[in-house]
Structure formats: C-alpha cells, structure tokens
Protein backbone atom coordinates (compact mmCIF):
# COMPACT_ATOMS: atom_id res chain seq x y z
CA MET A 1 -30.96 55.14 41.86
CA VAL A 2 -27.45 56.46 41.98
CA TYR A 3 -25.12 55.38 39.20
CA THR A 4 -21.37 55.60 38.92
CA PHE A 5 -19.24 55.90 35.80
CA GLU A 6 -15.47 55.61 35.41
CA ILE A 7 -12.98 55.19 32.62
CA ILE A 8 -10.85 52.29 33.78
CA GLY A 9 -8.36 51.62 31.01
CA ILE A 10 -7.36 50.66 27.52
CA ALA A 11 -7.58 47.09 26.25
CA PRO A 12 -7.12 45.25 22.96
CA ALA A 13 -10.53 44.64 21.40
CA LEU A 14 -10.14 40.85 21.49
CA ASN A 15 -9.26 40.87 25.20
CA PHE A 16 -12.25 43.06 25.95
CA PHE A 17 -14.54 40.71 24.02
CA CYS A 18 -13.20 37.66 25.91
CA GLN A 19 -13.65 39.43 29.24
CA GLN A 20 -17.24 40.29 28.32
CA GLN A 21 -17.89 36.61 27.59
CA GLU A 22 -16.53 35.64 31.01
CA LEU A 23 -18.66 38.28 32.74
CA ALA A 24 -21.75 36.94 31.00
CA GLN A 25 -21.21 33.64 32.84
CA ARG A 26 -21.72 35.16 36.28
CA PRO A 27 -24.11 37.69 37.71
CA CYS A 28 -22.52 41.10 37.62
CA GLY A 29 -24.12 44.33 38.78
CA VAL A 30 -22.00 46.58 36.62
CA GLU A 31 -21.55 46.97 32.88
CA TYR A 32 -18.22 47.35 31.12
CA LEU A 33 -18.31 49.40 27.95
CA GLY A 34 -15.75 49.40 25.15
CA THR A 35 -15.57 52.26 22.69
CA SER A 36 -13.12 52.92 19.92
CA PRO A 37 -13.15 56.70 19.85
CA CYS A 38 -12.76 58.51 23.14
CA THR A 39 -15.72 60.79 22.63
CA LEU A 40 -18.78 61.60 24.67
CA ASP A 41 -21.01 60.57 21.76
CA ALA A 42 -19.37 57.13 21.57
CA LEU A 43 -19.81 56.56 25.30
CA LEU A 44 -23.43 57.65 25.23
CA GLY A 45 -24.05 55.42 22.23
CA SER A 46 -22.61 52.44 24.06
CA LEU A 47 -25.15 52.99 26.85
CA GLU A 48 -28.19 52.48 24.63
CA GLU A 49 -28.48 48.72 25.18
CA VAL A 50 -27.69 48.70 28.90
CA PRO A 51 -31.06 49.87 30.31
CA ALA A 52 -32.96 47.25 28.28
CA ARG A 53 -30.88 44.43 29.79
CA ARG A 54 -30.72 45.86 33.29
CA GLY A 55 -33.91 47.81 33.77
CA TRP A 56 -31.84 50.90 34.53
CA ASP A 57 -32.93 54.48 33.91
CA LEU A 58 -31.30 55.64 30.65
CA ASP A 59 -31.71 59.34 31.45
CA GLN A 60 -29.90 58.93 34.78
CA LEU A 61 -27.13 56.90 33.11
CA ILE A 62 -26.66 59.58 30.48
CA ASP A 63 -26.61 62.29 33.15
CA THR A 64 -23.97 60.36 35.11
CA VAL A 65 -21.69 60.01 32.06
CA ILE A 66 -22.10 63.65 31.06
CA ARG A 67 -21.32 64.83 34.60
CA PHE A 68 -18.17 62.67 34.63
CA TRP A 69 -17.11 63.95 31.21
CA CYS A 70 -17.63 67.62 32.11
CA SER A 71 -16.07 67.31 35.58
CA ASN A 72 -12.89 65.51 34.47
CA PRO A 73 -11.55 67.13 31.27
CA ASP A 74 -7.91 66.42 32.14
CA LEU A 75 -8.63 62.76 32.80
CA VAL A 76 -10.61 62.46 29.57
CA GLN A 77 -7.73 64.02 27.64
CA LEU A 78 -5.26 61.62 29.28
CA TRP A 79 -7.32 58.56 28.26
CA ARG A 80 -7.86 59.97 24.77
CA SER A 81 -4.10 60.28 24.39
CA ARG A 82 -3.47 56.77 25.73
CA LEU A 83 -6.08 55.30 23.39
CA ARG A 84 -4.47 57.04 20.42
CA ASP A 85 -1.04 55.71 21.47
CA ALA A 86 -2.39 52.16 21.88
CA GLY A 87 -3.22 51.78 18.21
CA GLY A 88 -6.22 50.95 16.09
CA ASP A 89 -7.30 47.68 17.70
CA ALA A 90 -7.58 49.11 21.22
CA LEU A 91 -10.74 50.11 23.07
CA LEU A 92 -11.38 52.59 25.83
CA VAL A 93 -12.90 50.57 28.67
CA SER A 94 -15.30 52.16 31.12
CA ARG A 95 -17.58 50.90 33.84
CA VAL A 96 -21.10 51.96 34.75
CA GLY A 97 -23.35 50.63 37.48
CA HIS A 98 -25.18 51.19 40.73
CA ILE A 99 -23.03 52.20 43.66
CA GLN A 100 -24.19 49.11 45.59
CA SER A 101 -23.47 46.82 42.62
CA LEU A 102 -19.97 48.22 42.31
CA GLN A 103 -19.35 47.38 45.96
CA GLN A 104 -20.51 43.79 45.31
CA GLU A 105 -18.24 43.60 42.26
CA PHE A 106 -15.24 44.69 44.34
CA GLU A 107 -16.07 42.15 47.04
CA TRP A 108 -16.25 39.40 44.39
CA LEU A 109 -12.90 40.46 42.91
CA LEU A 110 -11.27 40.49 46.34
CA GLY A 111 -12.60 36.99 46.96
CA GLN A 112 -10.84 35.67 43.84
C-alpha cells in the first residue's frame, strides 16, 4: 500500500482533541497526529498506535514519514518555528493515510 504523510498545521491542544473526538464519530480513512515537539522521533512515536487500529503496515508508515522529513527540511524548519511561536499548548498537526483514503476524505470535506 502507498501511504502519504503531510504536516498540515498548528492547533491548540484542546481544539485538536475535540476534532479527534468528532472524527471518531465517522469513518475516516486517514489519521491525524498531534505532537508537541516538532521532531522526527515525536512523529514516529505518534505512529505506534495507528497500525493496530487500522491494520496498516508500520514499517511502510515509518518509511513514508522519514522520506517526508528528509525530503522537506525547509518545510520542517518552517513548522518547527511556527510551533515554537504558537506557545506551549499548541500541537503540530500532521496527517497520514492511504492515497485512496485521502481522496475520500477530500470528497467528504467538499460535500460539507
């Protein structure tokens, strides 16, 4: 399977938690991850529970995140800076999922 990973923004921790609760109420083919430090280790750590819930391949997920991290150093630095500027209660929000699931997620959002 082909996975995709993106850093999509910064959010207050409480807002991220509320959004996660809303997403749990509907089928969603992607996972949104919130991490406090903007580090590769934190992102990889946040992936640990995803394969168990989804039946996804952890090694492929890790490979996808590492490839993103190594291929986009300027983007990573930008988000690290924005997270630092946002303050202590903010989280770096990223999205991981199958390419096909991401397409379904976009179609659902456009239908809203």
